[in-house]
Amino acid sequence: MTTGSITFIGGGNMARSLIAGLVRQGVPATQIHVAEPVAALREGLAADFGVTTYAEATEAAAHGTTWLLAVKPQVLREVCQSLQALARQQPPLVVSIAAGITSTQLQRWLGGDLPVVRAMPNTPALLGAGVTGLYATGRVDEGQRAQADRVLASAGRTVWIEDEAQMDSVTAVSGSGPAYVFLLAEAMEAAGIAQGLPADAARTLVVQTLLGASRMLDEAGESPAELRRRVTSPNGTTQAAIERFQAGGFEALVEAALRAAQVRGQELSAANE
């Protein structure tokens, strides 16, 4: 797998998962550089993967033709501005996984019309089972697009979005999505315990049910609606539960929740102008 030299600006959990995926797929550790201010994180990355680490972003960025920005949105402007001079000298491909920060903002903070890819991975990337939504600006050529795809595909599947405005929807659906599943699991487990199931039995039943249902969604080749129809016998237990969900406005609540996440992404962008 050929990727060129990659610099991670930020060495937190998501960066760690991508680094692990790249190394697992055969990218030499010598091609991966990481800037991380926390010494313990730097030491862990170096020990676990053999990558070269730096305390300062400017030191690490000098070694990368691709910069993967993996810091919190609130500090991204400051980090980018510190890299302006270097970005002008040797323009990189910039890949950002910061929620709500637009390509226009990134280009402005970096001081030039650079090729930028926005990416929104999700936490199952930590297991190599994530999904990432990607958007490329017009400055990104086919080779750079393939480079960004290779890097993010190291942690799971990728989906390209052609309209940047839809990246907030990607965040709402998949970026934040695992938490919705965890909330459902939490509620199902609590309900099972309330009905008298032992806690360990309730947890196993819920976890395996969600795993199995996810596999069916992925492998069966049928829509969620069709899969639901097949397991809902007329006047049976499943129908009774689904009718109660729908009576409580389940679909409308999900739509409203995802809309709230989308709006929050837009607010993050505005707050960092």
C-alpha atoms as a PDB file:
ATOM      1  CA  MET A   1       0.000   0.000   0.000  1.00  0.00           C
ATOM      2  CA  THR A   2       1.586   3.280  -1.117  1.00  0.00           C
ATOM      3  CA  THR A   3       0.472   6.448   0.623  1.00  0.00           C
ATOM      4  CA  GLY A   4       3.436   8.816   0.694  1.00  0.00           C
ATOM      5  CA  SER A   5       4.510  10.517   3.881  1.00  0.00           C
ATOM      6  CA  ILE A   6       1.681  11.338   6.294  1.00  0.00           C
ATOM      7  CA  THR A   7       1.729  13.745   9.206  1.00  0.00           C
ATOM      8  CA  PHE A   8      -0.947  13.500  11.878  1.00  0.00           C
ATOM      9  CA  ILE A   9      -1.524  16.765  13.675  1.00  0.00           C
ATOM     10  CA  GLY A  10      -2.934  15.382  16.911  1.00  0.00           C
ATOM     11  CA  GLY A  11      -2.379  11.918  18.320  1.00  0.00           C
ATOM     12  CA  GLY A  12      -5.651  11.155  20.123  1.00  0.00           C
ATOM     13  CA  ASN A  13      -7.912   8.128  19.789  1.00  0.00           C
ATOM     14  CA  MET A  14      -9.044   8.673  16.218  1.00  0.00           C
ATOM     15  CA  ALA A  15      -5.536   9.393  14.975  1.00  0.00           C
ATOM     16  CA  ARG A  16      -4.336   6.308  16.818  1.00  0.00           C
ATOM     17  CA  SER A  17      -6.970   4.137  15.131  1.00  0.00           C
ATOM     18  CA  LEU A  18      -5.990   5.421  11.682  1.00  0.00           C
ATOM     19  CA  ILE A  19      -2.297   4.927  12.391  1.00  0.00           C
ATOM     20  CA  ALA A  20      -2.980   1.378  13.559  1.00  0.00           C
ATOM     21  CA  GLY A  21      -4.959   0.689  10.389  1.00  0.00           C
ATOM     22  CA  LEU A  22      -2.252   2.101   8.133  1.00  0.00           C
ATOM     23  CA  VAL A  23       0.487   0.074   9.818  1.00  0.00           C
ATOM     24  CA  ARG A  24      -1.710  -3.028   9.693  1.00  0.00           C
ATOM     25  CA  GLN A  25      -2.111  -2.525   5.946  1.00  0.00           C
ATOM     26  CA  GLY A  26       1.621  -2.305   5.395  1.00  0.00           C
ATOM     27  CA  VAL A  27       2.449   1.409   5.450  1.00  0.00           C
ATOM     28  CA  PRO A  28       6.011   1.703   6.816  1.00  0.00           C
ATOM     29  CA  ALA A  29       6.140   3.434  10.194  1.00  0.00           C
ATOM     30  CA  THR A  30       8.920   5.597   8.784  1.00  0.00           C
ATOM     31  CA  GLN A  31       6.323   7.282   6.542  1.00  0.00           C
ATOM     32  CA  ILE A  32       4.119   8.306   9.486  1.00  0.00           C
ATOM     33  CA  HIS A  33       4.834  11.347  11.649  1.00  0.00           C
ATOM     34  CA  VAL A  34       2.734  12.553  14.549  1.00  0.00           C
ATOM     35  CA  ALA A  35       2.538  15.897  16.349  1.00  0.00           C
ATOM     36  CA  GLU A  36       1.097  15.541  19.844  1.00  0.00           C
ATOM     37  CA  PRO A  37       1.700  17.900  22.787  1.00  0.00           C
ATOM     38  CA  VAL A  38       0.961  15.274  25.463  1.00  0.00           C
ATOM     39  CA  ALA A  39       4.158  13.370  26.189  1.00  0.00           C
ATOM     40  CA  ALA A  40       2.431  10.182  27.338  1.00  0.00           C
ATOM     41  CA  LEU A  41       0.476   9.943  24.067  1.00  0.00           C
ATOM     42  CA  ARG A  42       3.633  10.542  22.021  1.00  0.00           C
ATOM     43  CA  GLU A  43       5.496   7.847  23.889  1.00  0.00           C
ATOM     44  CA  GLY A  44       2.624   5.386  23.476  1.00  0.00           C
ATOM     45  CA  LEU A  45       2.390   5.942  19.722  1.00  0.00           C
ATOM     46  CA  ALA A  46       6.124   5.570  19.257  1.00  0.00           C
ATOM     47  CA  ALA A  47       6.269   2.413  21.382  1.00  0.00           C
ATOM     48  CA  ASP A  48       3.209   0.741  19.848  1.00  0.00           C
ATOM     49  CA  PHE A  49       3.697   1.582  16.168  1.00  0.00           C
ATOM     50  CA  GLY A  50       7.278   2.759  15.724  1.00  0.00           C
ATOM     51  CA  VAL A  51       6.181   6.109  14.261  1.00  0.00           C
ATOM     52  CA  THR A  52       8.159   9.304  14.749  1.00  0.00           C
ATOM     53  CA  THR A  53       6.555  11.770  17.126  1.00  0.00           C
ATOM     54  CA  TYR A  54       7.014  15.466  17.802  1.00  0.00           C
ATOM     55  CA  ALA A  55       5.778  17.925  20.400  1.00  0.00           C
ATOM     56  CA  GLU A  56       5.316  20.723  17.853  1.00  0.00           C
ATOM     57  CA  ALA A  57       3.018  20.654  14.818  1.00  0.00           C
ATOM     58  CA  THR A  58       5.493  22.580  12.667  1.00  0.00           C
ATOM     59  CA  GLU A  59       8.214  19.970  13.237  1.00  0.00           C
ATOM     60  CA  ALA A  60       5.989  17.082  12.232  1.00  0.00           C
ATOM     61  CA  ALA A  61       4.329  18.847   9.291  1.00  0.00           C
ATOM     62  CA  ALA A  62       7.695  19.459   7.633  1.00  0.00           C
ATOM     63  CA  HIS A  63       7.925  15.708   7.013  1.00  0.00           C
ATOM     64  CA  GLY A  64       4.491  15.094   5.466  1.00  0.00           C
ATOM     65  CA  THR A  65       3.063  15.509   1.968  1.00  0.00           C
ATOM     66  CA  THR A  66      -0.348  14.787   3.512  1.00  0.00           C
ATOM     67  CA  TRP A  67      -1.426  16.511   6.711  1.00  0.00           C
ATOM     68  CA  LEU A  68      -4.223  14.859   8.641  1.00  0.00           C
ATOM     69  CA  LEU A  69      -5.693  17.382  11.072  1.00  0.00           C
ATOM     70  CA  ALA A  70      -6.955  15.464  14.103  1.00  0.00           C
ATOM     71  CA  VAL A  71      -7.323  18.145  16.771  1.00  0.00           C
ATOM     72  CA  LYS A  72     -10.461  19.537  18.381  1.00  0.00           C
ATOM     73  CA  PRO A  73     -12.388  22.102  16.290  1.00  0.00           C
ATOM     74  CA  GLN A  74     -11.936  24.731  18.998  1.00  0.00           C
ATOM     75  CA  VAL A  75      -8.144  24.776  18.598  1.00  0.00           C
ATOM     76  CA  LEU A  76      -7.899  24.041  14.879  1.00  0.00           C
ATOM     77  CA  ARG A  77      -7.660  27.684  13.779  1.00  0.00           C
ATOM     78  CA  GLU A  78      -4.635  28.300  16.004  1.00  0.00           C
ATOM     79  CA  VAL A  79      -2.955  25.111  14.817  1.00  0.00           C
ATOM     80  CA  CYS A  80      -3.550  25.918  11.152  1.00  0.00           C
ATOM     81  CA  GLN A  81      -2.263  29.466  11.507  1.00  0.00           C
ATOM     82  CA  SER A  82       0.950  28.111  13.027  1.00  0.00           C
ATOM     83  CA  LEU A  83       1.418  26.051   9.850  1.00  0.00           C
ATOM     84  CA  GLN A  84       0.794  28.847   7.322  1.00  0.00           C
ATOM     85  CA  ALA A  85       4.418  29.491   6.395  1.00  0.00           C
ATOM     86  CA  LEU A  86       5.130  25.817   5.874  1.00  0.00           C
ATOM     87  CA  ALA A  87       1.932  25.347   3.831  1.00  0.00           C
ATOM     88  CA  ARG A  88       3.062  28.090   1.454  1.00  0.00           C
ATOM     89  CA  GLN A  89       6.546  26.612   1.078  1.00  0.00           C
ATOM     90  CA  GLN A  90       5.459  23.009   0.402  1.00  0.00           C
ATOM     91  CA  PRO A  91       1.677  22.827  -0.162  1.00  0.00           C
ATOM     92  CA  PRO A  92       0.307  19.582   1.268  1.00  0.00           C
ATOM     93  CA  LEU A  93      -2.887  17.644   0.807  1.00  0.00           C
ATOM     94  CA  VAL A  94      -4.908  18.635   3.879  1.00  0.00           C
ATOM     95  CA  VAL A  95      -7.328  16.094   5.370  1.00  0.00           C
ATOM     96  CA  SER A  96      -9.421  17.296   8.308  1.00  0.00           C
ATOM     97  CA  ILE A  97     -11.557  15.172  10.620  1.00  0.00           C
ATOM     98  CA  ALA A  98     -12.806  18.172  12.634  1.00  0.00           C
ATOM     99  CA  ALA A  99     -16.605  18.357  12.823  1.00  0.00           C
ATOM    100  CA  GLY A 100     -18.212  21.548  11.556  1.00  0.00           C
ATOM    101  CA  ILE A 101     -15.065  23.184  10.148  1.00  0.00           C
ATOM    102  CA  THR A 102     -15.470  23.986   6.446  1.00  0.00           C
ATOM    103  CA  SER A 103     -12.896  23.701   3.702  1.00  0.00           C
ATOM    104  CA  THR A 104     -13.076  27.476   3.206  1.00  0.00           C
ATOM    105  CA  GLN A 105     -12.184  28.049   6.841  1.00  0.00           C
ATOM    106  CA  LEU A 106      -9.295  25.605   6.624  1.00  0.00           C
ATOM    107  CA  GLN A 107      -7.920  27.247   3.497  1.00  0.00           C
ATOM    108  CA  ARG A 108      -8.208  30.698   5.039  1.00  0.00           C
ATOM    109  CA  TRP A 109      -6.512  29.641   8.270  1.00  0.00           C
ATOM    110  CA  LEU A 110      -3.716  27.900   6.352  1.00  0.00           C
ATOM    111  CA  GLY A 111      -3.244  30.952   4.161  1.00  0.00           C
ATOM    112  CA  GLY A 112      -3.866  29.581   0.692  1.00  0.00           C
ATOM    113  CA  ASP A 113      -6.067  27.732  -1.799  1.00  0.00           C
ATOM    114  CA  LEU A 114      -4.826  24.302  -0.769  1.00  0.00           C
ATOM    115  CA  PRO A 115      -6.322  20.929  -1.716  1.00  0.00           C
ATOM    116  CA  VAL A 116      -8.582  20.039   1.215  1.00  0.00           C
ATOM    117  CA  VAL A 117     -10.525  16.891   2.024  1.00  0.00           C
ATOM    118  CA  ARG A 118     -13.007  16.938   4.860  1.00  0.00           C
ATOM    119  CA  ALA A 119     -13.543  13.589   6.548  1.00  0.00           C
ATOM    120  CA  MET A 120     -15.978  12.463   9.233  1.00  0.00           C
ATOM    121  CA  PRO A 121     -15.077   9.050  10.660  1.00  0.00           C
ATOM    122  CA  ASN A 122     -16.891   7.493  13.608  1.00  0.00           C
ATOM    123  CA  THR A 123     -15.748   5.700  16.739  1.00  0.00           C
ATOM    124  CA  PRO A 124     -16.021   2.098  15.414  1.00  0.00           C
ATOM    125  CA  ALA A 125     -12.926   3.115  13.441  1.00  0.00           C
ATOM    126  CA  LEU A 126     -11.104   2.230  16.669  1.00  0.00           C
ATOM    127  CA  LEU A 127     -11.919  -1.405  15.791  1.00  0.00           C
ATOM    128  CA  GLY A 128     -11.382  -1.046  12.059  1.00  0.00           C
ATOM    129  CA  ALA A 129     -15.167  -1.168  11.634  1.00  0.00           C
ATOM    130  CA  GLY A 130     -15.940   2.493  11.064  1.00  0.00           C
ATOM    131  CA  VAL A 131     -17.386   4.444   8.183  1.00  0.00           C
ATOM    132  CA  THR A 132     -16.132   7.806   6.960  1.00  0.00           C
ATOM    133  CA  GLY A 133     -17.898  10.444   4.909  1.00  0.00           C
ATOM    134  CA  LEU A 134     -15.501  12.388   2.659  1.00  0.00           C
ATOM    135  CA  TYR A 135     -15.733  15.627   0.673  1.00  0.00           C
ATOM    136  CA  ALA A 136     -13.009  16.983  -1.640  1.00  0.00           C
ATOM    137  CA  THR A 137     -12.613  20.552  -2.860  1.00  0.00           C
ATOM    138  CA  GLY A 138     -12.011  21.282  -6.536  1.00  0.00           C
ATOM    139  CA  ARG A 139      -8.282  21.636  -5.866  1.00  0.00           C
ATOM    140  CA  VAL A 140      -8.006  17.937  -4.979  1.00  0.00           C
ATOM    141  CA  ASP A 141      -6.804  15.854  -7.926  1.00  0.00           C
ATOM    142  CA  GLU A 142      -7.581  12.185  -8.508  1.00  0.00           C
ATOM    143  CA  GLY A 143      -4.343  11.014  -6.946  1.00  0.00           C
ATOM    144  CA  GLN A 144      -4.949  13.056  -3.819  1.00  0.00           C
ATOM    145  CA  ARG A 145      -8.532  11.846  -3.623  1.00  0.00           C
ATOM    146  CA  ALA A 146      -7.268   8.274  -3.778  1.00  0.00           C
ATOM    147  CA  GLN A 147      -4.674   9.087  -1.114  1.00  0.00           C
ATOM    148  CA  ALA A 148      -7.322  10.431   1.274  1.00  0.00           C
ATOM    149  CA  ASP A 149      -9.506   7.398   0.600  1.00  0.00           C
ATOM    150  CA  ARG A 150      -6.640   4.995   1.351  1.00  0.00           C
ATOM    151  CA  VAL A 151      -5.885   6.686   4.654  1.00  0.00           C
ATOM    152  CA  LEU A 152      -9.484   6.732   5.907  1.00  0.00           C
ATOM    153  CA  ALA A 153     -10.278   3.281   4.493  1.00  0.00           C
ATOM    154  CA  SER A 154      -7.656   1.914   6.894  1.00  0.00           C
ATOM    155  CA  ALA A 155     -10.332   2.235   9.603  1.00  0.00           C
ATOM    156  CA  GLY A 156     -13.401   1.012   7.675  1.00  0.00           C
ATOM    157  CA  ARG A 157     -15.574   1.927   4.706  1.00  0.00           C
ATOM    158  CA  THR A 158     -15.678   5.283   2.957  1.00  0.00           C
ATOM    159  CA  VAL A 159     -18.500   7.259   1.328  1.00  0.00           C
ATOM    160  CA  TRP A 160     -17.826  10.308  -0.855  1.00  0.00           C
ATOM    161  CA  ILE A 161     -20.165  13.305  -0.667  1.00  0.00           C
ATOM    162  CA  GLU A 162     -20.231  15.811  -3.536  1.00  0.00           C
ATOM    163  CA  ASP A 163     -21.906  18.708  -1.676  1.00  0.00           C
ATOM    164  CA  GLU A 164     -19.957  20.020   1.306  1.00  0.00           C
ATOM    165  CA  ALA A 165     -23.140  21.276   2.960  1.00  0.00           C
ATOM    166  CA  GLN A 166     -24.116  17.624   3.438  1.00  0.00           C
ATOM    167  CA  MET A 167     -21.110  16.937   5.668  1.00  0.00           C
ATOM    168  CA  ASP A 168     -23.135  18.152   8.654  1.00  0.00           C
ATOM    169  CA  SER A 169     -25.681  15.479   7.780  1.00  0.00           C
ATOM    170  CA  VAL A 170     -22.899  12.879   7.600  1.00  0.00           C
ATOM    171  CA  THR A 171     -21.893  13.952  11.097  1.00  0.00           C
ATOM    172  CA  ALA A 172     -25.493  13.662  12.288  1.00  0.00           C
ATOM    173  CA  VAL A 173     -26.074  10.215  10.776  1.00  0.00           C
ATOM    174  CA  SER A 174     -22.777   8.353  11.164  1.00  0.00           C
ATOM    175  CA  GLY A 175     -20.352  10.550  13.070  1.00  0.00           C
ATOM    176  CA  SER A 176     -22.675  10.775  16.062  1.00  0.00           C
ATOM    177  CA  GLY A 177     -24.609   7.630  15.130  1.00  0.00           C
ATOM    178  CA  PRO A 178     -22.828   5.101  17.357  1.00  0.00           C
ATOM    179  CA  ALA A 179     -24.013   7.018  20.422  1.00  0.00           C
ATOM    180  CA  TYR A 180     -27.628   6.583  19.300  1.00  0.00           C
ATOM    181  CA  VAL A 181     -27.108   2.826  19.136  1.00  0.00           C
ATOM    182  CA  PHE A 182     -25.482   2.863  22.560  1.00  0.00           C
ATOM    183  CA  LEU A 183     -28.483   4.795  23.909  1.00  0.00           C
ATOM    184  CA  LEU A 184     -30.859   2.200  22.443  1.00  0.00           C
ATOM    185  CA  ALA A 185     -28.746  -0.603  23.935  1.00  0.00           C
ATOM    186  CA  GLU A 186     -28.762   1.150  27.299  1.00  0.00           C
ATOM    187  CA  ALA A 187     -32.555   1.481  27.253  1.00  0.00           C
ATOM    188  CA  MET A 188     -33.143  -2.111  26.091  1.00  0.00           C
ATOM    189  CA  GLU A 189     -30.796  -3.475  28.749  1.00  0.00           C
ATOM    190  CA  ALA A 190     -32.505  -1.448  31.489  1.00  0.00           C
ATOM    191  CA  ALA A 191     -35.942  -2.606  30.307  1.00  0.00           C
ATOM    192  CA  GLY A 192     -34.844  -6.240  30.324  1.00  0.00           C
ATOM    193  CA  ILE A 193     -33.548  -5.914  33.866  1.00  0.00           C
ATOM    194  CA  ALA A 194     -36.784  -4.196  34.922  1.00  0.00           C
ATOM    195  CA  GLN A 195     -38.666  -7.240  33.594  1.00  0.00           C
ATOM    196  CA  GLY A 196     -36.572  -9.528  35.785  1.00  0.00           C
ATOM    197  CA  LEU A 197     -33.667 -10.620  33.597  1.00  0.00           C
ATOM    198  CA  PRO A 198     -30.264 -10.922  35.292  1.00  0.00           C
ATOM    199  CA  ALA A 199     -28.033  -8.007  34.333  1.00  0.00           C
ATOM    200  CA  ASP A 200     -25.440 -10.159  32.566  1.00  0.00           C
ATOM    201  CA  ALA A 201     -28.120 -11.992  30.597  1.00  0.00           C
ATOM    202  CA  ALA A 202     -29.791  -8.728  29.582  1.00  0.00           C
ATOM    203  CA  ARG A 203     -26.494  -7.310  28.375  1.00  0.00           C
ATOM    204  CA  THR A 204     -25.606 -10.388  26.321  1.00  0.00           C
ATOM    205  CA  LEU A 205     -29.066 -10.558  24.772  1.00  0.00           C
ATOM    206  CA  VAL A 206     -28.968  -6.873  23.789  1.00  0.00           C
ATOM    207  CA  VAL A 207     -25.401  -6.837  22.468  1.00  0.00           C
ATOM    208  CA  GLN A 208     -25.802  -9.973  20.376  1.00  0.00           C
ATOM    209  CA  THR A 209     -29.177  -8.819  19.057  1.00  0.00           C
ATOM    210  CA  LEU A 210     -27.680  -5.541  17.850  1.00  0.00           C
ATOM    211  CA  LEU A 211     -24.664  -7.305  16.363  1.00  0.00           C
ATOM    212  CA  GLY A 212     -26.845  -9.810  14.542  1.00  0.00           C
ATOM    213  CA  ALA A 213     -29.249  -7.168  13.255  1.00  0.00           C
ATOM    214  CA  SER A 214     -26.322  -5.081  11.994  1.00  0.00           C
ATOM    215  CA  ARG A 215     -24.926  -8.059  10.119  1.00  0.00           C
ATOM    216  CA  MET A 216     -28.308  -8.685   8.522  1.00  0.00           C
ATOM    217  CA  LEU A 217     -28.501  -5.040   7.428  1.00  0.00           C
ATOM    218  CA  ASP A 218     -25.024  -5.342   5.913  1.00  0.00           C
ATOM    219  CA  GLU A 219     -25.268  -8.774   4.334  1.00  0.00           C
ATOM    220  CA  ALA A 220     -28.900  -9.490   3.477  1.00  0.00           C
ATOM    221  CA  GLY A 221     -29.143  -7.063   0.568  1.00  0.00           C
ATOM    222  CA  GLU A 222     -32.579  -5.869   1.710  1.00  0.00           C
ATOM    223  CA  SER A 223     -33.806  -2.504   2.930  1.00  0.00           C
ATOM    224  CA  PRO A 224     -34.314  -1.921   6.662  1.00  0.00           C
ATOM    225  CA  ALA A 225     -38.060  -1.665   6.033  1.00  0.00           C
ATOM    226  CA  GLU A 226     -38.151  -5.073   4.335  1.00  0.00           C
ATOM    227  CA  LEU A 227     -36.089  -6.733   7.059  1.00  0.00           C
ATOM    228  CA  ARG A 228     -38.402  -5.259   9.687  1.00  0.00           C
ATOM    229  CA  ARG A 229     -41.453  -6.471   7.802  1.00  0.00           C
ATOM    230  CA  ARG A 230     -40.094 -10.015   7.664  1.00  0.00           C
ATOM    231  CA  VAL A 231     -39.660 -10.304  11.430  1.00  0.00           C
ATOM    232  CA  THR A 232     -42.944  -8.606  12.336  1.00  0.00           C
ATOM    233  CA  SER A 233     -45.657 -11.255  12.512  1.00  0.00           C
ATOM    234  CA  PRO A 234     -49.243  -9.913  12.430  1.00  0.00           C
ATOM    235  CA  ASN A 235     -50.567  -9.382  15.960  1.00  0.00           C
ATOM    236  CA  GLY A 236     -47.338 -10.754  17.439  1.00  0.00           C
ATOM    237  CA  THR A 237     -44.947  -9.481  20.065  1.00  0.00           C
ATOM    238  CA  THR A 238     -42.778  -7.541  17.618  1.00  0.00           C
ATOM    239  CA  GLN A 239     -45.787  -5.736  16.182  1.00  0.00           C
ATOM    240  CA  ALA A 240     -46.929  -4.787  19.669  1.00  0.00           C
ATOM    241  CA  ALA A 241     -43.559  -3.219  20.426  1.00  0.00           C
ATOM    242  CA  ILE A 242     -43.259  -1.426  17.095  1.00  0.00           C
ATOM    243  CA  GLU A 243     -46.758   0.002  17.377  1.00  0.00           C
ATOM    244  CA  ARG A 244     -45.828   1.432  20.774  1.00  0.00           C
ATOM    245  CA  PHE A 245     -42.624   2.946  19.325  1.00  0.00           C
ATOM    246  CA  GLN A 246     -44.608   4.555  16.516  1.00  0.00           C
ATOM    247  CA  ALA A 247     -47.368   5.763  18.799  1.00  0.00           C
ATOM    248  CA  GLY A 248     -44.682   7.656  20.694  1.00  0.00           C
ATOM    249  CA  GLY A 249     -43.512   9.357  17.504  1.00  0.00           C
ATOM    250  CA  PHE A 250     -40.369   7.263  17.035  1.00  0.00           C
ATOM    251  CA  GLU A 251     -39.610   8.257  13.423  1.00  0.00           C
ATOM    252  CA  ALA A 252     -40.277  11.944  14.060  1.00  0.00           C
ATOM    253  CA  LEU A 253     -38.081  11.858  17.157  1.00  0.00           C
ATOM    254  CA  VAL A 254     -35.203  10.297  15.212  1.00  0.00           C
ATOM    255  CA  GLU A 255     -35.545  12.914  12.495  1.00  0.00           C
ATOM    256  CA  ALA A 256     -35.587  15.716  15.072  1.00  0.00           C
ATOM    257  CA  ALA A 257     -32.552  14.290  16.859  1.00  0.00           C
ATOM    258  CA  LEU A 258     -30.504  14.075  13.669  1.00  0.00           C
ATOM    259  CA  ARG A 259     -31.585  17.563  12.714  1.00  0.00           C
ATOM    260  CA  ALA A 260     -30.347  18.822  16.101  1.00  0.00           C
ATOM    261  CA  ALA A 261     -26.957  17.210  15.450  1.00  0.00           C
ATOM    262  CA  GLN A 262     -26.826  18.729  11.965  1.00  0.00           C
ATOM    263  CA  VAL A 263     -27.624  22.203  13.299  1.00  0.00           C
ATOM    264  CA  ARG A 264     -24.967  21.842  15.997  1.00  0.00           C
ATOM    265  CA  GLY A 265     -22.411  21.122  13.290  1.00  0.00           C
ATOM    266  CA  GLN A 266     -23.406  24.332  11.535  1.00  0.00           C
ATOM    267  CA  GLU A 267     -23.115  26.213  14.833  1.00  0.00           C
ATOM    268  CA  LEU A 268     -19.601  24.849  15.393  1.00  0.00           C
ATOM    269  CA  SER A 269     -18.608  26.217  12.016  1.00  0.00           C
ATOM    270  CA  ALA A 270     -20.090  29.643  12.739  1.00  0.00           C
ATOM    271  CA  ALA A 271     -18.483  29.756  16.187  1.00  0.00           C
ATOM    272  CA  ASN A 272     -15.047  29.262  14.652  1.00  0.00           C
ATOM    273  CA  GLU A 273     -15.295  31.882  11.910  1.00  0.00           C
END
